[in-house]
C-alpha atoms as a PDB file:
ATOM      1  CA  UNK A   1      -3.809 -45.985  11.821  1.00  0.00           C
ATOM      2  CA  UNK A   2      -6.218 -48.253   9.998  1.00  0.00           C
ATOM      3  CA  UNK A   3      -8.788 -46.727   7.693  1.00  0.00           C
ATOM      4  CA  UNK A   4     -11.674 -47.318   9.849  1.00  0.00           C
ATOM      5  CA  UNK A   5     -10.262 -45.337  12.704  1.00  0.00           C
ATOM      6  CA  UNK A   6     -10.057 -42.313  10.372  1.00  0.00           C
ATOM      7  CA  UNK A   7     -13.746 -42.803   9.425  1.00  0.00           C
ATOM      8  CA  UNK A   8     -14.271 -43.280  13.002  1.00  0.00           C
ATOM      9  CA  UNK A   9     -12.844 -39.686  13.701  1.00  0.00           C
ATOM     10  CA  UNK A  10     -14.156 -38.282  10.651  1.00  0.00           C
ATOM     11  CA  UNK A  11     -18.195 -39.643  12.010  1.00  0.00           C
ATOM     12  CA  UNK A  12     -17.748 -38.340  14.858  1.00  0.00           C
ATOM     13  CA  UNK A  13     -16.283 -34.794  14.259  1.00  0.00           C
ATOM     14  CA  UNK A  14     -19.016 -34.218  11.825  1.00  0.00           C
ATOM     15  CA  UNK A  15     -20.269 -31.003  14.316  1.00  0.00           C
ATOM     16  CA  UNK A  16     -16.805 -29.652  14.872  1.00  0.00           C
ATOM     17  CA  UNK A  17     -16.821 -27.737  11.589  1.00  0.00           C
ATOM     18  CA  UNK A  18     -16.232 -24.113  11.475  1.00  0.00           C
ATOM     19  CA  UNK A  19     -18.739 -21.587  10.092  1.00  0.00           C
ATOM     20  CA  UNK A  20     -18.124 -18.355   8.688  1.00  0.00           C
ATOM     21  CA  UNK A  21     -21.621 -16.705   7.622  1.00  0.00           C
ATOM     22  CA  UNK A  22     -23.267 -20.229   6.735  1.00  0.00           C
ATOM     23  CA  UNK A  23     -20.051 -21.164   4.851  1.00  0.00           C
ATOM     24  CA  UNK A  24     -18.050 -24.177   6.094  1.00  0.00           C
ATOM     25  CA  UNK A  25     -14.302 -22.636   6.507  1.00  0.00           C
ATOM     26  CA  UNK A  26     -12.569 -25.731   8.535  1.00  0.00           C
ATOM     27  CA  UNK A  27     -12.584 -28.356  10.987  1.00  0.00           C
ATOM     28  CA  UNK A  28     -11.721 -27.478  14.835  1.00  0.00           C
ATOM     29  CA  UNK A  29      -8.183 -29.807  14.698  1.00  0.00           C
ATOM     30  CA  UNK A  30      -8.288 -29.416  18.512  1.00  0.00           C
ATOM     31  CA  UNK A  31     -11.340 -31.430  18.871  1.00  0.00           C
ATOM     32  CA  UNK A  32     -10.768 -33.704  16.303  1.00  0.00           C
ATOM     33  CA  UNK A  33      -7.503 -34.716  17.669  1.00  0.00           C
ATOM     34  CA  UNK A  34      -8.570 -34.916  21.196  1.00  0.00           C
ATOM     35  CA  UNK A  35     -11.535 -37.409  20.090  1.00  0.00           C
ATOM     36  CA  UNK A  36      -8.762 -39.830  18.318  1.00  0.00           C
ATOM     37  CA  UNK A  37      -6.875 -39.567  21.375  1.00  0.00           C
ATOM     38  CA  UNK A  38      -9.924 -40.395  23.887  1.00  0.00           C
ATOM     39  CA  UNK A  39     -10.208 -43.360  21.328  1.00  0.00           C
ATOM     40  CA  UNK A  40      -7.120 -44.621  21.694  1.00  0.00           C
ATOM     41  CA  UNK A  41      -6.036 -43.589  17.908  1.00  0.00           C
ATOM     42  CA  UNK A  42      -2.297 -42.446  17.418  1.00  0.00           C
ATOM     43  CA  UNK A  43      -2.586 -38.428  17.522  1.00  0.00           C
ATOM     44  CA  UNK A  44       0.304 -37.937  14.623  1.00  0.00           C
ATOM     45  CA  UNK A  45      -1.399 -40.421  12.501  1.00  0.00           C
ATOM     46  CA  UNK A  46      -4.617 -38.722  12.825  1.00  0.00           C
ATOM     47  CA  UNK A  47      -2.999 -35.382  12.362  1.00  0.00           C
ATOM     48  CA  UNK A  48      -1.742 -36.808   8.613  1.00  0.00           C
ATOM     49  CA  UNK A  49      -5.419 -37.362   7.871  1.00  0.00           C
ATOM     50  CA  UNK A  50      -7.213 -34.529   9.385  1.00  0.00           C
ATOM     51  CA  UNK A  51      -6.491 -32.177   6.334  1.00  0.00           C
ATOM     52  CA  UNK A  52      -7.809 -34.859   3.801  1.00  0.00           C
ATOM     53  CA  UNK A  53     -11.227 -35.299   6.223  1.00  0.00           C
ATOM     54  CA  UNK A  54     -11.511 -31.555   6.519  1.00  0.00           C
ATOM     55  CA  UNK A  55     -11.401 -30.993   2.805  1.00  0.00           C
ATOM     56  CA  UNK A  56     -14.182 -33.848   2.449  1.00  0.00           C
ATOM     57  CA  UNK A  57     -16.305 -32.473   4.931  1.00  0.00           C
ATOM     58  CA  UNK A  58     -16.053 -28.544   4.208  1.00  0.00           C
ATOM     59  CA  UNK A  59     -16.747 -29.560   0.623  1.00  0.00           C
ATOM     60  CA  UNK A  60     -19.849 -31.973   1.117  1.00  0.00           C
ATOM     61  CA  UNK A  61     -21.508 -29.367   3.580  1.00  0.00           C
ATOM     62  CA  UNK A  62     -20.826 -26.428   1.251  1.00  0.00           C
ATOM     63  CA  UNK A  63     -22.229 -28.430  -1.929  1.00  0.00           C
ATOM     64  CA  UNK A  64     -25.258 -29.784   0.175  1.00  0.00           C
ATOM     65  CA  UNK A  65     -26.166 -26.134   1.446  1.00  0.00           C
ATOM     66  CA  UNK A  66     -25.549 -24.255  -1.970  1.00  0.00           C
ATOM     67  CA  UNK A  67     -28.235 -27.327  -3.351  1.00  0.00           C
ATOM     68  CA  UNK A  68     -30.706 -26.587  -0.466  1.00  0.00           C
ATOM     69  CA  UNK A  69     -30.187 -22.847  -1.113  1.00  0.00           C
ATOM     70  CA  UNK A  70     -31.224 -23.221  -4.834  1.00  0.00           C
ATOM     71  CA  UNK A  71     -34.015 -25.262  -4.183  1.00  0.00           C
ATOM     72  CA  UNK A  72     -35.967 -22.760  -2.048  1.00  0.00           C
END
């Protein structure tokens, strides 16, 4: 899997975060893997990247939400 393919999956899965009480707690890996397979990307290679993608997405989402809540 090329780096651009990992970014492609990450960008397409922005709406696949699992939320609990307005806090991102993870990504729907099933949906992300299906997106990758549908795009012709290797599912096993994608699975290797998903934990890093999930960590970055949940962290960014939660930081953004926290920042917006402080500015209210």
